[in-house]
Every structure is written in C-alpha cells, then in structure tokens.
Amino acid sequence: MALKPLQDRIVIKVIEDTEQTSGGIFIPDSAKEKPQKGEVVAVGEGKVGDNGEREPMDVKVGDIILYAKYAGTDIKMDGVEYKILSIKDALAIVE
C-alpha cells in the first residue's frame, strides 16, 4: 500500500456485506446500506497533544473496526475501495 495517513488518521479497506440473503435472494446495489465495517491497513503516528507528545492510536494494522456511517473520504486504488478516517470516527474494534 502506498498510502501513509497523517497524524490521527487511519486507512481502512472497506468490507462489503454479502450480496445475497440466506434465502438466495440477490440484493441490488441501490438497496444496500453503506458499509460500516473495514480492516485497518495503515495507521498514522497519532495527534500531537497540548504537551507536545503524540497521543497513542487505539487501533493497529489488521484490526477490523466499525466506523461512523458517513465518515471519512472514499478512495479507490487498483480496484479496491479504501476509506481514510479520523480515529474519532472509529467506533469499535470487532473481536
């Protein structure tokens, strides 16, 4: 990956939900909800606090996270969808 996020930002690879229901019905793109889950692929160094020290990041590369529905900036590289988020838009780590 050629992206290196700055400060308190992270890059995630968007994880799409399945396009077919358990009953075998295919869901069209127009009826799907925006995905809110992704795999962290790059992490910035952290925000510099008032004391001049960097605040530690809560996530690491490889974590699967849930993020705010309309957060971040969408980008596409080599046919793969990524999203650049501020760490404050990461809501939870999926364990």
N, C-alpha and C. Protein backbone atom coordinates (compact mmCIF):
# COMPACT_ATOMS: atom_id res chain seq x y z
N MET A 1 0.85 -1.18 0.00
CA MET A 1 0.00 0.00 0.00
C MET A 1 0.89 1.23 0.00
N ALA A 2 0.55 2.17 -0.84
CA ALA A 2 1.36 3.38 -0.97
C ALA A 2 0.78 4.55 -0.19
N LEU A 3 -0.21 4.32 0.66
CA LEU A 3 -0.80 5.39 1.45
C LEU A 3 -0.25 5.37 2.87
N LYS A 4 0.16 6.54 3.34
CA LYS A 4 0.62 6.68 4.73
C LYS A 4 -0.21 7.80 5.34
N PRO A 5 -1.17 7.46 6.22
CA PRO A 5 -2.01 8.50 6.80
C PRO A 5 -1.24 9.42 7.75
N LEU A 6 -1.68 10.65 7.81
CA LEU A 6 -1.03 11.64 8.66
C LEU A 6 -1.75 11.78 10.00
N GLN A 7 -1.01 12.15 11.01
CA GLN A 7 -1.49 12.43 12.37
C GLN A 7 -2.43 11.35 12.89
N ASP A 8 -3.69 11.72 13.18
CA ASP A 8 -4.62 10.78 13.83
C ASP A 8 -5.57 10.13 12.82
N ARG A 9 -5.10 9.89 11.60
CA ARG A 9 -5.95 9.28 10.58
C ARG A 9 -5.55 7.82 10.37
N ILE A 10 -6.53 7.06 9.88
CA ILE A 10 -6.29 5.65 9.55
C ILE A 10 -6.83 5.38 8.14
N VAL A 11 -6.28 4.38 7.48
CA VAL A 11 -6.79 3.93 6.19
C VAL A 11 -7.37 2.55 6.41
N ILE A 12 -8.61 2.36 5.94
CA ILE A 12 -9.24 1.05 6.07
C ILE A 12 -9.65 0.53 4.71
N LYS A 13 -9.64 -0.77 4.59
CA LYS A 13 -10.17 -1.44 3.41
C LYS A 13 -11.62 -1.78 3.73
N VAL A 14 -12.54 -1.25 2.94
CA VAL A 14 -13.96 -1.42 3.20
C VAL A 14 -14.35 -2.88 3.03
N ILE A 15 -15.10 -3.41 3.99
CA ILE A 15 -15.60 -4.78 3.92
C ILE A 15 -17.07 -4.71 3.56
N GLU A 16 -17.40 -5.19 2.36
CA GLU A 16 -18.78 -5.21 1.89
C GLU A 16 -19.51 -6.40 2.48
N ASP A 17 -20.78 -6.18 2.84
CA ASP A 17 -21.61 -7.30 3.28
C ASP A 17 -21.95 -8.18 2.09
N THR A 18 -22.42 -9.38 2.36
CA THR A 18 -22.76 -10.29 1.28
C THR A 18 -23.87 -9.72 0.41
N GLU A 19 -23.85 -10.05 -0.85
CA GLU A 19 -24.83 -9.53 -1.79
C GLU A 19 -26.02 -10.46 -1.96
N GLN A 20 -26.08 -11.50 -1.17
CA GLN A 20 -27.15 -12.48 -1.29
C GLN A 20 -27.68 -12.81 0.11
N THR A 21 -29.00 -12.87 0.24
CA THR A 21 -29.59 -13.22 1.52
C THR A 21 -29.43 -14.71 1.77
N SER A 22 -29.72 -15.14 2.99
CA SER A 22 -29.60 -16.56 3.32
C SER A 22 -30.60 -17.39 2.51
N GLY A 23 -31.69 -16.77 2.05
CA GLY A 23 -32.68 -17.46 1.23
C GLY A 23 -32.32 -17.51 -0.25
N GLY A 24 -31.20 -16.89 -0.62
CA GLY A 24 -30.74 -16.94 -2.01
C GLY A 24 -31.13 -15.73 -2.84
N ILE A 25 -31.71 -14.71 -2.23
CA ILE A 25 -32.12 -13.52 -2.97
C ILE A 25 -30.94 -12.56 -3.08
N PHE A 26 -30.65 -12.10 -4.30
CA PHE A 26 -29.57 -11.15 -4.50
C PHE A 26 -30.06 -9.74 -4.22
N ILE A 27 -29.23 -8.96 -3.53
CA ILE A 27 -29.59 -7.60 -3.15
C ILE A 27 -28.91 -6.65 -4.14
N PRO A 28 -29.70 -5.79 -4.83
CA PRO A 28 -29.09 -4.84 -5.77
C PRO A 28 -28.33 -3.75 -5.03
N ASP A 29 -27.33 -3.14 -5.72
CA ASP A 29 -26.51 -2.10 -5.10
C ASP A 29 -27.35 -0.95 -4.56
N SER A 30 -28.43 -0.60 -5.25
CA SER A 30 -29.25 0.54 -4.83
C SER A 30 -29.98 0.27 -3.51
N ALA A 31 -30.16 -0.99 -3.14
CA ALA A 31 -30.89 -1.33 -1.92
C ALA A 31 -29.96 -1.62 -0.74
N LYS A 32 -28.66 -1.67 -1.00
CA LYS A 32 -27.71 -1.97 0.08
C LYS A 32 -27.45 -0.74 0.93
N GLU A 33 -27.22 -0.97 2.21
CA GLU A 33 -26.81 0.12 3.10
C GLU A 33 -25.31 0.37 2.92
N LYS A 34 -24.90 1.57 3.26
CA LYS A 34 -23.47 1.88 3.20
C LYS A 34 -22.73 0.97 4.19
N PRO A 35 -21.61 0.40 3.78
CA PRO A 35 -20.87 -0.45 4.72
C PRO A 35 -20.31 0.38 5.86
N GLN A 36 -20.21 -0.25 7.01
CA GLN A 36 -19.68 0.43 8.19
C GLN A 36 -18.60 -0.40 8.86
N LYS A 37 -18.03 -1.34 8.12
CA LYS A 37 -17.01 -2.21 8.68
C LYS A 37 -15.81 -2.22 7.74
N GLY A 38 -14.61 -2.25 8.32
CA GLY A 38 -13.42 -2.27 7.49
C GLY A 38 -12.22 -2.80 8.24
N GLU A 39 -11.20 -3.18 7.46
CA GLU A 39 -9.94 -3.66 8.03
C GLU A 39 -8.91 -2.55 7.96
N VAL A 40 -8.28 -2.27 9.09
CA VAL A 40 -7.27 -1.22 9.14
C VAL A 40 -6.03 -1.69 8.37
N VAL A 41 -5.61 -0.90 7.37
CA VAL A 41 -4.44 -1.26 6.58
C VAL A 41 -3.26 -0.31 6.79
N ALA A 42 -3.52 0.87 7.38
CA ALA A 42 -2.44 1.81 7.70
C ALA A 42 -2.90 2.73 8.82
N VAL A 43 -1.97 3.11 9.68
CA VAL A 43 -2.27 3.94 10.85
C VAL A 43 -1.28 5.09 10.90
N GLY A 44 -1.79 6.30 11.14
CA GLY A 44 -0.92 7.46 11.31
C GLY A 44 -0.16 7.40 12.63
N GLU A 45 0.71 8.37 12.84
CA GLU A 45 1.54 8.38 14.05
C GLU A 45 0.81 8.86 15.28
N GLY A 46 -0.35 9.48 15.12
CA GLY A 46 -1.10 9.99 16.26
C GLY A 46 -1.06 11.50 16.31
N LYS A 47 -2.06 12.06 16.94
CA LYS A 47 -2.18 13.52 17.06
C LYS A 47 -1.21 14.03 18.12
N VAL A 48 -0.64 15.21 17.88
CA VAL A 48 0.25 15.83 18.85
C VAL A 48 -0.61 16.57 19.87
N GLY A 49 -0.49 16.22 21.13
CA GLY A 49 -1.27 16.83 22.19
C GLY A 49 -0.74 18.19 22.59
N ASP A 50 -1.44 18.83 23.52
CA ASP A 50 -1.04 20.16 24.01
C ASP A 50 0.32 20.15 24.69
N ASN A 51 0.71 18.99 25.22
CA ASN A 51 2.00 18.89 25.90
C ASN A 51 3.15 18.61 24.92
N GLY A 52 2.84 18.51 23.62
CA GLY A 52 3.87 18.29 22.60
C GLY A 52 4.17 16.83 22.32
N GLU A 53 3.52 15.92 23.04
CA GLU A 53 3.75 14.49 22.82
C GLU A 53 2.63 13.90 21.98
N ARG A 54 2.95 12.85 21.24
CA ARG A 54 1.95 12.18 20.40
C ARG A 54 1.05 11.31 21.25
N GLU A 55 -0.25 11.40 20.98
CA GLU A 55 -1.22 10.54 21.66
C GLU A 55 -1.22 9.18 20.96
N PRO A 56 -1.26 8.08 21.72
CA PRO A 56 -1.24 6.76 21.10
C PRO A 56 -2.53 6.49 20.34
N MET A 57 -2.43 5.70 19.29
CA MET A 57 -3.59 5.32 18.49
C MET A 57 -4.25 4.10 19.12
N ASP A 58 -5.59 4.03 19.05
CA ASP A 58 -6.34 2.94 19.66
C ASP A 58 -6.42 1.69 18.77
N VAL A 59 -6.07 1.82 17.49
CA VAL A 59 -6.16 0.69 16.57
C VAL A 59 -4.79 0.39 15.98
N LYS A 60 -4.67 -0.81 15.43
CA LYS A 60 -3.43 -1.20 14.76
C LYS A 60 -3.77 -1.87 13.43
N VAL A 61 -2.80 -2.00 12.57
CA VAL A 61 -2.99 -2.65 11.28
C VAL A 61 -3.50 -4.07 11.50
N GLY A 62 -4.54 -4.44 10.76
CA GLY A 62 -5.12 -5.78 10.87
C GLY A 62 -6.41 -5.81 11.67
N ASP A 63 -6.66 -4.77 12.50
CA ASP A 63 -7.90 -4.71 13.27
C ASP A 63 -9.10 -4.55 12.32
N ILE A 64 -10.21 -5.18 12.67
CA ILE A 64 -11.48 -4.98 11.97
C ILE A 64 -12.27 -4.00 12.84
N ILE A 65 -12.70 -2.89 12.24
CA ILE A 65 -13.40 -1.87 13.02
C ILE A 65 -14.77 -1.56 12.43
N LEU A 66 -15.61 -1.00 13.28
CA LEU A 66 -16.87 -0.39 12.85
C LEU A 66 -16.64 1.11 12.88
N TYR A 67 -17.17 1.81 11.89
CA TYR A 67 -16.96 3.25 11.82
C TYR A 67 -18.27 3.97 11.55
N ALA A 68 -18.28 5.28 11.79
CA ALA A 68 -19.48 6.11 11.60
C ALA A 68 -19.94 6.02 10.14
N LYS A 69 -21.24 5.98 9.94
CA LYS A 69 -21.85 5.69 8.65
C LYS A 69 -21.36 6.59 7.51
N TYR A 70 -21.32 7.88 7.70
CA TYR A 70 -20.94 8.79 6.61
C TYR A 70 -19.58 9.43 6.82
N ALA A 71 -18.73 8.78 7.57
CA ALA A 71 -17.42 9.33 7.91
C ALA A 71 -16.39 9.07 6.82
N GLY A 72 -15.37 9.90 6.81
CA GLY A 72 -14.19 9.65 6.00
C GLY A 72 -14.30 10.04 4.55
N THR A 73 -13.20 9.79 3.85
CA THR A 73 -13.08 10.07 2.43
C THR A 73 -12.87 8.77 1.68
N ASP A 74 -13.69 8.52 0.68
CA ASP A 74 -13.59 7.29 -0.11
C ASP A 74 -12.54 7.47 -1.19
N ILE A 75 -11.71 6.44 -1.36
CA ILE A 75 -10.75 6.41 -2.45
C ILE A 75 -10.73 5.00 -3.03
N LYS A 76 -10.31 4.89 -4.28
CA LYS A 76 -10.21 3.58 -4.94
C LYS A 76 -8.83 3.47 -5.56
N MET A 77 -8.11 2.41 -5.19
CA MET A 77 -6.78 2.16 -5.73
C MET A 77 -6.71 0.72 -6.20
N ASP A 78 -6.28 0.51 -7.43
CA ASP A 78 -6.15 -0.83 -8.00
C ASP A 78 -7.44 -1.63 -7.87
N GLY A 79 -8.58 -0.97 -8.02
CA GLY A 79 -9.87 -1.65 -7.97
C GLY A 79 -10.37 -2.00 -6.58
N VAL A 80 -9.67 -1.55 -5.53
CA VAL A 80 -10.07 -1.84 -4.15
C VAL A 80 -10.53 -0.54 -3.50
N GLU A 81 -11.65 -0.62 -2.77
CA GLU A 81 -12.18 0.56 -2.09
C GLU A 81 -11.53 0.72 -0.71
N TYR A 82 -11.03 1.92 -0.47
CA TYR A 82 -10.45 2.27 0.82
C TYR A 82 -11.17 3.51 1.34
N LYS A 83 -11.00 3.77 2.62
CA LYS A 83 -11.56 4.95 3.24
C LYS A 83 -10.51 5.50 4.19
N ILE A 84 -10.33 6.82 4.17
CA ILE A 84 -9.43 7.48 5.11
C ILE A 84 -10.30 8.14 6.17
N LEU A 85 -10.08 7.75 7.43
CA LEU A 85 -10.89 8.23 8.55
C LEU A 85 -10.02 8.89 9.60
N SER A 86 -10.62 9.79 10.34
CA SER A 86 -10.01 10.27 11.57
C SER A 86 -10.27 9.19 12.62
N ILE A 87 -9.38 9.03 13.56
CA ILE A 87 -9.55 7.99 14.58
C ILE A 87 -10.83 8.21 15.38
N LYS A 88 -11.29 9.44 15.49
CA LYS A 88 -12.52 9.71 16.25
C LYS A 88 -13.75 9.12 15.57
N ASP A 89 -13.66 8.78 14.27
CA ASP A 89 -14.78 8.17 13.56
C ASP A 89 -14.80 6.65 13.69
N ALA A 90 -13.74 6.07 14.25
CA ALA A 90 -13.73 4.63 14.54
C ALA A 90 -14.53 4.40 15.81
N LEU A 91 -15.55 3.56 15.74
CA LEU A 91 -16.46 3.39 16.85
C LEU A 91 -16.12 2.20 17.74
N ALA A 92 -15.65 1.10 17.13
CA ALA A 92 -15.37 -0.10 17.91
C ALA A 92 -14.46 -1.03 17.12
N ILE A 93 -13.75 -1.88 17.84
CA ILE A 93 -12.95 -2.95 17.24
C ILE A 93 -13.76 -4.23 17.35
N VAL A 94 -13.90 -4.95 16.24
CA VAL A 94 -14.63 -6.22 16.23
C VAL A 94 -13.67 -7.32 16.67
N GLU A 95 -14.02 -8.03 17.73
CA GLU A 95 -13.14 -9.10 18.25
C GLU A 95 -13.73 -10.46 18.00
